[in-house]
C-alpha atoms as a PDB file:
ATOM      1  CA  UNK A   1     -16.666  21.295  12.014  1.00  0.00           C
ATOM      2  CA  UNK A   2     -19.936  20.062  10.549  1.00  0.00           C
ATOM      3  CA  UNK A   3     -19.608  17.892   7.514  1.00  0.00           C
ATOM      4  CA  UNK A   4     -20.399  14.592   5.793  1.00  0.00           C
ATOM      5  CA  UNK A   5     -20.623  11.289   7.604  1.00  0.00           C
ATOM      6  CA  UNK A   6     -17.354   9.347   7.692  1.00  0.00           C
ATOM      7  CA  UNK A   7     -17.540   5.549   7.798  1.00  0.00           C
ATOM      8  CA  UNK A   8     -14.535   4.013   9.593  1.00  0.00           C
ATOM      9  CA  UNK A   9     -14.048   0.346   8.697  1.00  0.00           C
ATOM     10  CA  UNK A  10     -12.181  -1.763  11.260  1.00  0.00           C
ATOM     11  CA  UNK A  11     -11.445  -5.472  10.817  1.00  0.00           C
ATOM     12  CA  UNK A  12     -10.120  -6.896  14.076  1.00  0.00           C
ATOM     13  CA  UNK A  13      -8.731 -10.168  15.341  1.00  0.00           C
ATOM     14  CA  UNK A  14      -7.094 -10.799  18.717  1.00  0.00           C
ATOM     15  CA  UNK A  15      -5.867  -7.257  19.397  1.00  0.00           C
ATOM     16  CA  UNK A  16      -7.190  -6.969  22.956  1.00  0.00           C
ATOM     17  CA  UNK A  17      -3.944  -5.382  24.166  1.00  0.00           C
ATOM     18  CA  UNK A  18      -4.374  -2.393  21.865  1.00  0.00           C
ATOM     19  CA  UNK A  19      -8.021  -2.180  20.805  1.00  0.00           C
ATOM     20  CA  UNK A  20      -9.187  -0.013  23.708  1.00  0.00           C
ATOM     21  CA  UNK A  21      -6.607   2.666  22.876  1.00  0.00           C
ATOM     22  CA  UNK A  22      -7.562   2.507  19.202  1.00  0.00           C
ATOM     23  CA  UNK A  23     -11.290   2.933  19.829  1.00  0.00           C
ATOM     24  CA  UNK A  24     -10.709   5.641  22.428  1.00  0.00           C
ATOM     25  CA  UNK A  25      -8.684   7.627  19.881  1.00  0.00           C
ATOM     26  CA  UNK A  26     -11.682   7.522  17.535  1.00  0.00           C
ATOM     27  CA  UNK A  27     -14.124   8.454  20.289  1.00  0.00           C
ATOM     28  CA  UNK A  28     -11.985  11.514  21.082  1.00  0.00           C
ATOM     29  CA  UNK A  29     -11.951  12.861  17.523  1.00  0.00           C
ATOM     30  CA  UNK A  30     -12.577  16.584  17.143  1.00  0.00           C
ATOM     31  CA  UNK A  31     -14.637  15.795  14.046  1.00  0.00           C
ATOM     32  CA  UNK A  32     -17.711  14.015  15.377  1.00  0.00           C
ATOM     33  CA  UNK A  33     -19.826  12.997  12.389  1.00  0.00           C
ATOM     34  CA  UNK A  34     -18.557   9.456  11.994  1.00  0.00           C
ATOM     35  CA  UNK A  35     -19.592   5.834  12.370  1.00  0.00           C
ATOM     36  CA  UNK A  36     -17.437   2.822  13.173  1.00  0.00           C
ATOM     37  CA  UNK A  37     -18.220  -0.493  11.489  1.00  0.00           C
ATOM     38  CA  UNK A  38     -16.046  -3.024  13.289  1.00  0.00           C
ATOM     39  CA  UNK A  39     -15.943  -6.635  12.069  1.00  0.00           C
ATOM     40  CA  UNK A  40     -14.805  -9.431  14.343  1.00  0.00           C
ATOM     41  CA  UNK A  41     -12.645 -11.799  12.303  1.00  0.00           C
ATOM     42  CA  UNK A  42     -13.063 -14.799  14.659  1.00  0.00           C
ATOM     43  CA  UNK A  43     -11.207 -13.364  17.662  1.00  0.00           C
ATOM     44  CA  UNK A  44     -10.470 -15.755  20.518  1.00  0.00           C
ATOM     45  CA  UNK A  45      -9.479 -13.083  23.045  1.00  0.00           C
ATOM     46  CA  UNK A  46     -11.384 -10.177  24.657  1.00  0.00           C
ATOM     47  CA  UNK A  47     -11.364  -7.923  21.567  1.00  0.00           C
ATOM     48  CA  UNK A  48     -15.082  -8.384  20.921  1.00  0.00           C
ATOM     49  CA  UNK A  49     -15.959  -7.538  24.527  1.00  0.00           C
ATOM     50  CA  UNK A  50     -13.907  -4.329  24.297  1.00  0.00           C
ATOM     51  CA  UNK A  51     -15.752  -3.009  21.254  1.00  0.00           C
ATOM     52  CA  UNK A  52     -19.135  -4.133  22.613  1.00  0.00           C
ATOM     53  CA  UNK A  53     -18.628  -1.822  25.583  1.00  0.00           C
ATOM     54  CA  UNK A  54     -18.249   1.103  23.151  1.00  0.00           C
ATOM     55  CA  UNK A  55     -21.366  -0.025  21.263  1.00  0.00           C
ATOM     56  CA  UNK A  56     -23.392   0.130  24.498  1.00  0.00           C
ATOM     57  CA  UNK A  57     -22.211   3.656  25.269  1.00  0.00           C
ATOM     58  CA  UNK A  58     -22.237   5.231  21.788  1.00  0.00           C
ATOM     59  CA  UNK A  59     -24.581   4.361  18.915  1.00  0.00           C
ATOM     60  CA  UNK A  60     -21.947   5.462  16.404  1.00  0.00           C
ATOM     61  CA  UNK A  61     -20.116   2.194  17.090  1.00  0.00           C
ATOM     62  CA  UNK A  62     -21.374  -0.990  15.411  1.00  0.00           C
ATOM     63  CA  UNK A  63     -19.883  -4.483  15.481  1.00  0.00           C
ATOM     64  CA  UNK A  64     -20.533  -7.473  13.211  1.00  0.00           C
ATOM     65  CA  UNK A  65     -19.181 -11.033  12.988  1.00  0.00           C
ATOM     66  CA  UNK A  66     -17.176 -11.852   9.877  1.00  0.00           C
ATOM     67  CA  UNK A  67     -19.215 -14.280   7.791  1.00  0.00           C
ATOM     68  CA  UNK A  68     -16.096 -15.320   5.921  1.00  0.00           C
ATOM     69  CA  UNK A  69     -12.455 -15.292   6.980  1.00  0.00           C
ATOM     70  CA  UNK A  70      -9.691 -12.758   6.688  1.00  0.00           C
ATOM     71  CA  UNK A  71      -9.245  -9.011   6.269  1.00  0.00           C
ATOM     72  CA  UNK A  72     -10.669  -8.727   2.758  1.00  0.00           C
ATOM     73  CA  UNK A  73     -13.979 -10.379   3.611  1.00  0.00           C
ATOM     74  CA  UNK A  74     -14.169  -8.387   6.851  1.00  0.00           C
ATOM     75  CA  UNK A  75     -13.665  -5.141   4.921  1.00  0.00           C
ATOM     76  CA  UNK A  76     -16.322  -6.107   2.387  1.00  0.00           C
ATOM     77  CA  UNK A  77     -18.820  -6.783   5.147  1.00  0.00           C
ATOM     78  CA  UNK A  78     -17.999  -3.540   6.964  1.00  0.00           C
ATOM     79  CA  UNK A  79     -18.300  -1.570   3.736  1.00  0.00           C
ATOM     80  CA  UNK A  80     -21.655  -3.149   2.871  1.00  0.00           C
ATOM     81  CA  UNK A  81     -23.050  -1.909   6.209  1.00  0.00           C
ATOM     82  CA  UNK A  82     -21.524   1.574   5.990  1.00  0.00           C
ATOM     83  CA  UNK A  83     -23.607   4.632   5.128  1.00  0.00           C
ATOM     84  CA  UNK A  84     -21.047   7.451   5.045  1.00  0.00           C
ATOM     85  CA  UNK A  85     -20.349   9.688   2.070  1.00  0.00           C
ATOM     86  CA  UNK A  86     -16.669   9.406   2.998  1.00  0.00           C
ATOM     87  CA  UNK A  87     -14.889   6.105   3.650  1.00  0.00           C
ATOM     88  CA  UNK A  88     -11.740   5.336   5.586  1.00  0.00           C
ATOM     89  CA  UNK A  89     -10.120   2.336   7.213  1.00  0.00           C
ATOM     90  CA  UNK A  90      -8.519   1.897  10.634  1.00  0.00           C
ATOM     91  CA  UNK A  91      -6.332  -0.860  12.061  1.00  0.00           C
ATOM     92  CA  UNK A  92      -7.432  -2.108  15.463  1.00  0.00           C
ATOM     93  CA  UNK A  93      -3.945  -1.828  16.957  1.00  0.00           C
ATOM     94  CA  UNK A  94      -3.208   1.755  15.847  1.00  0.00           C
ATOM     95  CA  UNK A  95      -4.017   5.219  17.198  1.00  0.00           C
ATOM     96  CA  UNK A  96      -5.483   8.328  15.540  1.00  0.00           C
ATOM     97  CA  UNK A  97      -4.417  11.827  16.491  1.00  0.00           C
ATOM     98  CA  UNK A  98      -7.440  13.845  17.757  1.00  0.00           C
ATOM     99  CA  UNK A  99      -7.509  15.944  14.573  1.00  0.00           C
ATOM    100  CA  UNK A 100      -7.047  13.116  12.034  1.00  0.00           C
ATOM    101  CA  UNK A 101     -10.612  12.954  10.712  1.00  0.00           C
ATOM    102  CA  UNK A 102     -10.984  16.724  10.770  1.00  0.00           C
ATOM    103  CA  UNK A 103      -7.846  17.182   8.649  1.00  0.00           C
ATOM    104  CA  UNK A 104      -8.699  14.451   6.158  1.00  0.00           C
ATOM    105  CA  UNK A 105     -12.320  15.533   5.737  1.00  0.00           C
ATOM    106  CA  UNK A 106     -11.260  19.154   5.223  1.00  0.00           C
ATOM    107  CA  UNK A 107      -8.813  18.039   2.515  1.00  0.00           C
ATOM    108  CA  UNK A 108     -11.484  16.120   0.625  1.00  0.00           C
ATOM    109  CA  UNK A 109     -13.994  18.950   0.883  1.00  0.00           C
ATOM    110  CA  UNK A 110     -11.392  21.376  -0.443  1.00  0.00           C
ATOM    111  CA  UNK A 111     -10.174  19.252  -3.372  1.00  0.00           C
ATOM    112  CA  UNK A 112     -13.381  17.368  -4.172  1.00  0.00           C
ATOM    113  CA  UNK A 113     -14.035  14.030  -5.812  1.00  0.00           C
ATOM    114  CA  UNK A 114     -11.276  12.347  -7.742  1.00  0.00           C
ATOM    115  CA  UNK A 115      -8.906  12.705  -4.792  1.00  0.00           C
ATOM    116  CA  UNK A 116      -7.670  10.542  -1.940  1.00  0.00           C
ATOM    117  CA  UNK A 117      -6.825  12.226   1.357  1.00  0.00           C
ATOM    118  CA  UNK A 118      -3.705  10.873   3.053  1.00  0.00           C
ATOM    119  CA  UNK A 119      -1.596  11.889   6.034  1.00  0.00           C
ATOM    120  CA  UNK A 120       1.789  11.596   7.670  1.00  0.00           C
ATOM    121  CA  UNK A 121       2.358   8.482   9.799  1.00  0.00           C
ATOM    122  CA  UNK A 122       4.574   7.685  12.756  1.00  0.00           C
ATOM    123  CA  UNK A 123       5.665   4.209  13.855  1.00  0.00           C
ATOM    124  CA  UNK A 124       5.757   3.441  17.555  1.00  0.00           C
ATOM    125  CA  UNK A 125       6.602   0.380  19.614  1.00  0.00           C
ATOM    126  CA  UNK A 126       7.371  -0.590  23.200  1.00  0.00           C
ATOM    127  CA  UNK A 127      10.715  -2.023  22.047  1.00  0.00           C
ATOM    128  CA  UNK A 128      11.731   0.754  19.666  1.00  0.00           C
ATOM    129  CA  UNK A 129      11.549   0.945  15.874  1.00  0.00           C
ATOM    130  CA  UNK A 130      13.993  -0.807  13.564  1.00  0.00           C
ATOM    131  CA  UNK A 131      16.072   1.143  11.058  1.00  0.00           C
ATOM    132  CA  UNK A 132      14.080  -0.435   8.216  1.00  0.00           C
ATOM    133  CA  UNK A 133      10.774   0.871   9.544  1.00  0.00           C
ATOM    134  CA  UNK A 134      12.276   4.293  10.267  1.00  0.00           C
ATOM    135  CA  UNK A 135      13.471   4.536   6.671  1.00  0.00           C
ATOM    136  CA  UNK A 136      10.107   3.376   5.318  1.00  0.00           C
ATOM    137  CA  UNK A 137       8.295   5.953   7.460  1.00  0.00           C
ATOM    138  CA  UNK A 138      10.615   8.733   6.278  1.00  0.00           C
ATOM    139  CA  UNK A 139      10.298   7.682   2.630  1.00  0.00           C
ATOM    140  CA  UNK A 140       6.511   7.472   2.852  1.00  0.00           C
ATOM    141  CA  UNK A 141       6.155  10.833   4.575  1.00  0.00           C
ATOM    142  CA  UNK A 142       8.456  12.576   2.082  1.00  0.00           C
ATOM    143  CA  UNK A 143       6.177  11.388  -0.726  1.00  0.00           C
ATOM    144  CA  UNK A 144       3.051  12.450   1.193  1.00  0.00           C
ATOM    145  CA  UNK A 145       4.322  15.987   1.824  1.00  0.00           C
ATOM    146  CA  UNK A 146       4.143  16.643  -1.909  1.00  0.00           C
ATOM    147  CA  UNK A 147       1.387  14.182  -2.831  1.00  0.00           C
ATOM    148  CA  UNK A 148       3.822  12.399  -5.161  1.00  0.00           C
ATOM    149  CA  UNK A 149       3.114   8.952  -3.735  1.00  0.00           C
ATOM    150  CA  UNK A 150       2.458   7.240  -7.055  1.00  0.00           C
ATOM    151  CA  UNK A 151       5.901   8.211  -8.369  1.00  0.00           C
ATOM    152  CA  UNK A 152       7.396   5.274  -6.449  1.00  0.00           C
ATOM    153  CA  UNK A 153       4.432   2.922  -6.373  1.00  0.00           C
ATOM    154  CA  UNK A 154       6.365  -0.053  -7.756  1.00  0.00           C
ATOM    155  CA  UNK A 155       8.855   0.089  -4.873  1.00  0.00           C
ATOM    156  CA  UNK A 156       6.525  -0.355  -1.906  1.00  0.00           C
ATOM    157  CA  UNK A 157       2.971   0.441  -0.833  1.00  0.00           C
ATOM    158  CA  UNK A 158       2.870   4.241  -1.005  1.00  0.00           C
ATOM    159  CA  UNK A 159      -0.422   4.756   0.856  1.00  0.00           C
ATOM    160  CA  UNK A 160      -0.634   3.221   4.355  1.00  0.00           C
ATOM    161  CA  UNK A 161      -3.738   1.061   4.787  1.00  0.00           C
ATOM    162  CA  UNK A 162      -5.091   2.894   7.866  1.00  0.00           C
ATOM    163  CA  UNK A 163      -4.376   6.417   6.642  1.00  0.00           C
ATOM    164  CA  UNK A 164      -6.481   7.260   3.600  1.00  0.00           C
ATOM    165  CA  UNK A 165      -9.973   8.609   3.009  1.00  0.00           C
ATOM    166  CA  UNK A 166     -12.035   8.848  -0.181  1.00  0.00           C
ATOM    167  CA  UNK A 167     -15.499   9.699  -1.386  1.00  0.00           C
ATOM    168  CA  UNK A 168     -17.696   6.607  -1.553  1.00  0.00           C
ATOM    169  CA  UNK A 169     -18.249   7.158  -5.269  1.00  0.00           C
ATOM    170  CA  UNK A 170     -14.500   7.148  -5.929  1.00  0.00           C
ATOM    171  CA  UNK A 171     -13.991   3.982  -3.889  1.00  0.00           C
ATOM    172  CA  UNK A 172     -16.806   2.327  -5.835  1.00  0.00           C
ATOM    173  CA  UNK A 173     -15.107   3.303  -9.089  1.00  0.00           C
ATOM    174  CA  UNK A 174     -11.992   1.532  -7.788  1.00  0.00           C
ATOM    175  CA  UNK A 175     -14.048  -1.626  -7.060  1.00  0.00           C
ATOM    176  CA  UNK A 176     -13.714  -1.074  -3.298  1.00  0.00           C
ATOM    177  CA  UNK A 177     -12.660  -4.274  -1.491  1.00  0.00           C
ATOM    178  CA  UNK A 178     -13.740  -6.850  -4.037  1.00  0.00           C
ATOM    179  CA  UNK A 179     -10.552  -8.179  -5.644  1.00  0.00           C
ATOM    180  CA  UNK A 180      -9.222 -11.226  -3.775  1.00  0.00           C
ATOM    181  CA  UNK A 181      -5.645 -10.041  -3.981  1.00  0.00           C
ATOM    182  CA  UNK A 182      -3.215  -9.694  -1.081  1.00  0.00           C
ATOM    183  CA  UNK A 183      -1.688  -7.530   0.274  1.00  0.00           C
ATOM    184  CA  UNK A 184      -5.076  -5.858   0.018  1.00  0.00           C
ATOM    185  CA  UNK A 185      -3.817  -2.371   0.924  1.00  0.00           C
ATOM    186  CA  UNK A 186      -1.190  -2.425  -1.821  1.00  0.00           C
ATOM    187  CA  UNK A 187      -3.729  -3.679  -4.336  1.00  0.00           C
ATOM    188  CA  UNK A 188      -6.148  -0.881  -3.412  1.00  0.00           C
ATOM    189  CA  UNK A 189      -3.350   1.670  -3.743  1.00  0.00           C
ATOM    190  CA  UNK A 190      -2.698   0.438  -7.284  1.00  0.00           C
ATOM    191  CA  UNK A 191      -6.410   0.771  -8.069  1.00  0.00           C
ATOM    192  CA  UNK A 192      -6.381   4.357  -6.756  1.00  0.00           C
ATOM    193  CA  UNK A 193      -3.467   4.927  -9.144  1.00  0.00           C
ATOM    194  CA  UNK A 194      -5.191   3.114 -12.016  1.00  0.00           C
ATOM    195  CA  UNK A 195      -8.325   5.224 -11.589  1.00  0.00           C
ATOM    196  CA  UNK A 196      -6.260   8.414 -11.349  1.00  0.00           C
ATOM    197  CA  UNK A 197      -7.314   9.462  -7.848  1.00  0.00           C
ATOM    198  CA  UNK A 198      -4.965  12.308  -6.975  1.00  0.00           C
ATOM    199  CA  UNK A 199      -3.137  12.200  -3.638  1.00  0.00           C
ATOM    200  CA  UNK A 200      -3.708  15.326  -1.541  1.00  0.00           C
ATOM    201  CA  UNK A 201      -0.426  16.542   0.018  1.00  0.00           C
ATOM    202  CA  UNK A 202      -0.202  16.558   3.822  1.00  0.00           C
ATOM    203  CA  UNK A 203       2.612  17.563   6.180  1.00  0.00           C
ATOM    204  CA  UNK A 204       0.887  16.679   9.478  1.00  0.00           C
ATOM    205  CA  UNK A 205       1.239  13.426  11.438  1.00  0.00           C
ATOM    206  CA  UNK A 206      -2.321  12.111  11.833  1.00  0.00           C
ATOM    207  CA  UNK A 207      -1.753   8.407  12.465  1.00  0.00           C
ATOM    208  CA  UNK A 208       0.384   6.382  14.879  1.00  0.00           C
ATOM    209  CA  UNK A 209       1.268   2.993  13.399  1.00  0.00           C
ATOM    210  CA  UNK A 210       2.029   0.342  16.019  1.00  0.00           C
ATOM    211  CA  UNK A 211       4.733  -2.279  15.453  1.00  0.00           C
ATOM    212  CA  UNK A 212       4.987  -5.529  17.412  1.00  0.00           C
ATOM    213  CA  UNK A 213       6.063  -9.107  16.786  1.00  0.00           C
ATOM    214  CA  UNK A 214       2.710 -10.731  15.996  1.00  0.00           C
ATOM    215  CA  UNK A 215       1.098  -7.961  13.961  1.00  0.00           C
ATOM    216  CA  UNK A 216      -0.589  -9.305  10.826  1.00  0.00           C
ATOM    217  CA  UNK A 217       1.854  -7.806   8.336  1.00  0.00           C
ATOM    218  CA  UNK A 218       4.669  -9.682  10.089  1.00  0.00           C
ATOM    219  CA  UNK A 219       2.972 -13.052  10.561  1.00  0.00           C
ATOM    220  CA  UNK A 220       0.504 -13.624   7.698  1.00  0.00           C
ATOM    221  CA  UNK A 221       1.719 -15.418   4.570  1.00  0.00           C
ATOM    222  CA  UNK A 222      -0.336 -12.914   2.566  1.00  0.00           C
ATOM    223  CA  UNK A 223       2.283 -10.244   3.291  1.00  0.00           C
ATOM    224  CA  UNK A 224       5.303 -12.270   2.169  1.00  0.00           C
ATOM    225  CA  UNK A 225       7.556 -10.714  -0.475  1.00  0.00           C
ATOM    226  CA  UNK A 226       6.291 -12.934  -3.306  1.00  0.00           C
ATOM    227  CA  UNK A 227       2.774 -11.500  -2.907  1.00  0.00           C
ATOM    228  CA  UNK A 228       4.133  -7.964  -3.283  1.00  0.00           C
ATOM    229  CA  UNK A 229       6.046  -8.934  -6.422  1.00  0.00           C
ATOM    230  CA  UNK A 230       2.948 -10.594  -7.882  1.00  0.00           C
ATOM    231  CA  UNK A 231       0.977  -7.367  -7.430  1.00  0.00           C
ATOM    232  CA  UNK A 232       3.742  -5.191  -8.862  1.00  0.00           C
ATOM    233  CA  UNK A 233       4.061  -7.333 -11.983  1.00  0.00           C
ATOM    234  CA  UNK A 234       0.277  -7.669 -12.376  1.00  0.00           C
ATOM    235  CA  UNK A 235      -0.229  -3.898 -12.490  1.00  0.00           C
ATOM    236  CA  UNK A 236       2.928  -3.201 -14.455  1.00  0.00           C
ATOM    237  CA  UNK A 237       1.744  -5.525 -17.216  1.00  0.00           C
ATOM    238  CA  UNK A 238      -1.757  -4.044 -17.048  1.00  0.00           C
ATOM    239  CA  UNK A 239      -0.944  -0.345 -16.767  1.00  0.00           C
ATOM    240  CA  UNK A 240       2.555   0.295 -18.063  1.00  0.00           C
ATOM    241  CA  UNK A 241       3.627  -2.470 -20.410  1.00  0.00           C
ATOM    242  CA  UNK A 242       3.783  -1.737 -24.125  1.00  0.00           C
ATOM    243  CA  UNK A 243       4.237  -5.101 -25.897  1.00  0.00           C
ATOM    244  CA  UNK A 244       5.690  -3.320 -28.938  1.00  0.00           C
ATOM    245  CA  UNK A 245       8.693  -2.281 -26.847  1.00  0.00           C
ATOM    246  CA  UNK A 246      11.428  -4.719 -25.710  1.00  0.00           C
ATOM    247  CA  UNK A 247      11.264  -5.597 -22.004  1.00  0.00           C
ATOM    248  CA  UNK A 248      14.283  -5.956 -19.739  1.00  0.00           C
ATOM    249  CA  UNK A 249      14.943  -6.963 -16.149  1.00  0.00           C
ATOM    250  CA  UNK A 250      17.986  -5.409 -14.491  1.00  0.00           C
ATOM    251  CA  UNK A 251      19.167  -7.482 -11.525  1.00  0.00           C
ATOM    252  CA  UNK A 252      19.864 -11.165 -10.826  1.00  0.00           C
ATOM    253  CA  UNK A 253      19.158 -11.290  -7.088  1.00  0.00           C
ATOM    254  CA  UNK A 254      16.182 -13.006  -5.457  1.00  0.00           C
ATOM    255  CA  UNK A 255      13.655 -10.415  -6.665  1.00  0.00           C
ATOM    256  CA  UNK A 256      15.050 -10.393 -10.171  1.00  0.00           C
ATOM    257  CA  UNK A 257      14.836 -14.172 -10.319  1.00  0.00           C
ATOM    258  CA  UNK A 258      11.240 -14.130  -9.059  1.00  0.00           C
ATOM    259  CA  UNK A 259      10.181 -11.579 -11.696  1.00  0.00           C
ATOM    260  CA  UNK A 260      12.031 -13.489 -14.400  1.00  0.00           C
ATOM    261  CA  UNK A 261      10.345 -16.742 -13.421  1.00  0.00           C
ATOM    262  CA  UNK A 262       6.911 -15.093 -13.483  1.00  0.00           C
ATOM    263  CA  UNK A 263       7.565 -13.690 -16.958  1.00  0.00           C
ATOM    264  CA  UNK A 264       8.775 -17.064 -18.225  1.00  0.00           C
ATOM    265  CA  UNK A 265       5.598 -18.678 -16.849  1.00  0.00           C
ATOM    266  CA  UNK A 266       3.539 -16.083 -18.753  1.00  0.00           C
ATOM    267  CA  UNK A 267       5.546 -16.618 -21.955  1.00  0.00           C
ATOM    268  CA  UNK A 268       6.513 -12.948 -21.997  1.00  0.00           C
ATOM    269  CA  UNK A 269       9.880 -12.413 -23.732  1.00  0.00           C
ATOM    270  CA  UNK A 270      12.502 -10.256 -22.030  1.00  0.00           C
ATOM    271  CA  UNK A 271      16.212  -9.467 -21.851  1.00  0.00           C
ATOM    272  CA  UNK A 272      17.875 -10.160 -18.518  1.00  0.00           C
ATOM    273  CA  UNK A 273      20.588  -7.686 -17.597  1.00  0.00           C
ATOM    274  CA  UNK A 274      23.081  -7.252 -14.784  1.00  0.00           C
ATOM    275  CA  UNK A 275      26.317  -5.430 -14.003  1.00  0.00           C
ATOM    276  CA  UNK A 276      28.060  -8.383 -12.340  1.00  0.00           C
ATOM    277  CA  UNK A 277      30.814  -9.744 -14.639  1.00  0.00           C
ATOM    278  CA  UNK A 278      30.643 -13.142 -12.894  1.00  0.00           C
ATOM    279  CA  UNK A 279      26.992 -13.601 -13.926  1.00  0.00           C
ATOM    280  CA  UNK A 280      27.099 -12.203 -17.457  1.00  0.00           C
ATOM    281  CA  UNK A 281      26.878 -15.063 -19.954  1.00  0.00           C
ATOM    282  CA  UNK A 282      25.300 -17.529 -17.540  1.00  0.00           C
ATOM    283  CA  UNK A 283      21.831 -19.003 -18.089  1.00  0.00           C
ATOM    284  CA  UNK A 284      19.001 -18.939 -15.524  1.00  0.00           C
ATOM    285  CA  UNK A 285      15.522 -20.242 -16.387  1.00  0.00           C
ATOM    286  CA  UNK A 286      16.722 -20.622 -19.951  1.00  0.00           C
ATOM    287  CA  UNK A 287      17.582 -16.912 -20.154  1.00  0.00           C
ATOM    288  CA  UNK A 288      21.142 -15.759 -20.807  1.00  0.00           C
ATOM    289  CA  UNK A 289      22.410 -12.972 -18.558  1.00  0.00           C
ATOM    290  CA  UNK A 290      23.507  -9.945 -20.573  1.00  0.00           C
ATOM    291  CA  UNK A 291      25.471  -6.804 -19.749  1.00  0.00           C
ATOM    292  CA  UNK A 292      23.392  -3.776 -18.773  1.00  0.00           C
ATOM    293  CA  UNK A 293      25.085  -1.989 -21.691  1.00  0.00           C
ATOM    294  CA  UNK A 294      22.735  -3.983 -23.933  1.00  0.00           C
ATOM    295  CA  UNK A 295      20.132  -1.312 -23.138  1.00  0.00           C
ATOM    296  CA  UNK A 296      21.840   1.171 -25.459  1.00  0.00           C
ATOM    297  CA  UNK A 297      21.298  -1.240 -28.376  1.00  0.00           C
ATOM    298  CA  UNK A 298      17.565  -1.760 -27.799  1.00  0.00           C
ATOM    299  CA  UNK A 299      14.842   0.335 -29.435  1.00  0.00           C
ATOM    300  CA  UNK A 300      12.801   2.147 -26.736  1.00  0.00           C
ATOM    301  CA  UNK A 301      13.031  -0.569 -24.070  1.00  0.00           C
ATOM    302  CA  UNK A 302      10.980  -0.755 -20.872  1.00  0.00           C
ATOM    303  CA  UNK A 303      12.998  -1.887 -17.877  1.00  0.00           C
ATOM    304  CA  UNK A 304      12.136  -3.394 -14.511  1.00  0.00           C
ATOM    305  CA  UNK A 305      14.876  -2.645 -11.965  1.00  0.00           C
ATOM    306  CA  UNK A 306      15.225  -5.144  -9.095  1.00  0.00           C
ATOM    307  CA  UNK A 307      18.498  -3.807  -7.648  1.00  0.00           C
ATOM    308  CA  UNK A 308      17.928  -2.767  -4.030  1.00  0.00           C
ATOM    309  CA  UNK A 309      21.264  -1.140  -3.152  1.00  0.00           C
ATOM    310  CA  UNK A 310      20.713   2.629  -2.946  1.00  0.00           C
ATOM    311  CA  UNK A 311      24.147   3.578  -4.314  1.00  0.00           C
ATOM    312  CA  UNK A 312      23.670   1.164  -7.213  1.00  0.00           C
ATOM    313  CA  UNK A 313      20.243   2.682  -7.869  1.00  0.00           C
ATOM    314  CA  UNK A 314      21.811   6.133  -8.124  1.00  0.00           C
ATOM    315  CA  UNK A 315      24.293   4.814 -10.706  1.00  0.00           C
ATOM    316  CA  UNK A 316      21.447   3.138 -12.601  1.00  0.00           C
ATOM    317  CA  UNK A 317      19.487   6.403 -12.728  1.00  0.00           C
ATOM    318  CA  UNK A 318      22.559   8.210 -14.099  1.00  0.00           C
ATOM    319  CA  UNK A 319      22.925   5.536 -16.789  1.00  0.00           C
ATOM    320  CA  UNK A 320      19.288   5.921 -17.843  1.00  0.00           C
ATOM    321  CA  UNK A 321      19.674   9.705 -17.866  1.00  0.00           C
ATOM    322  CA  UNK A 322      22.549   9.368 -20.342  1.00  0.00           C
ATOM    323  CA  UNK A 323      20.287   7.243 -22.540  1.00  0.00           C
ATOM    324  CA  UNK A 324      17.548   9.895 -22.323  1.00  0.00           C
ATOM    325  CA  UNK A 325      15.197   7.465 -20.599  1.00  0.00           C
ATOM    326  CA  UNK A 326      12.859   8.503 -17.777  1.00  0.00           C
ATOM    327  CA  UNK A 327      11.505   6.972 -14.581  1.00  0.00           C
ATOM    328  CA  UNK A 328       7.913   5.594 -14.661  1.00  0.00           C
ATOM    329  CA  UNK A 329       7.946   5.691 -18.464  1.00  0.00           C
ATOM    330  CA  UNK A 330      11.049   3.797 -19.558  1.00  0.00           C
ATOM    331  CA  UNK A 331      12.224   2.232 -16.279  1.00  0.00           C
ATOM    332  CA  UNK A 332      10.504   1.165 -13.063  1.00  0.00           C
ATOM    333  CA  UNK A 333      12.075   0.394  -9.700  1.00  0.00           C
ATOM    334  CA  UNK A 334      10.584  -2.752  -8.155  1.00  0.00           C
ATOM    335  CA  UNK A 335      12.535  -2.376  -4.902  1.00  0.00           C
END
């Protein structure tokens, strides 16, 4: 199909084992009106040489050295050199299906500005995929089928970093890659949500997501759990929090304690709830643990749920239903 130019932004660092397959999958796209802006983030292996060979053969490939350090600065540089009307990102260790760009471009042309095109993803690995990643993939794809990704945005990142596409104007309205906040893909997803970009449903696998021991999301401190919780709380307080309503935290595990500590540091008052009789009445960070039944005594509370157990979450939902309280208005799952 003929259509607008797509700019594919690729930060890369020491992915020589996988980069050739990644770039080849782009070169073999059925949709051909694209450009690659690859940014070398101080690689010490043969990654740069691999992409330079593509540059010599095809003028649609461009490569630049990262003037700064890290993925965010690499993305900013790539974006500043891009010229496409449509923008997407690719990870240098992943693989596109041959019809990925064609499908995502067609979606954007059909639905227009104010939308983000997304697609189904599939994890793959030489050693097999863990149960945790399988469950995440299934959860993510179930949301994407219906375009309901934002409905669970406070649980995990609901738009995979290498599998979205937007109009340049919409990305600009979301401030593109300029916040210095990691994980950068989760932060961008929240800004899509904040700016009300609608997710276009998709039921087709368009992206193969590679897992291996030293991939960035496993090794970089920027993808540790505390960074995710910081982002969740930042956007919850910005987008959802009504200071006229009482705030509660339900859960006294590690995540609940982290959220509680962050609220204490911000001098934000809250009630701390749990359903464990052994913890009720105890004090942590100067806050007394209360029974979850306290919720029925509060006037229109907003609740952050940090309980991860799926069966317990089902019971929690039933409790909120009895109170006439609704998800993403009265209560928010943070795990």
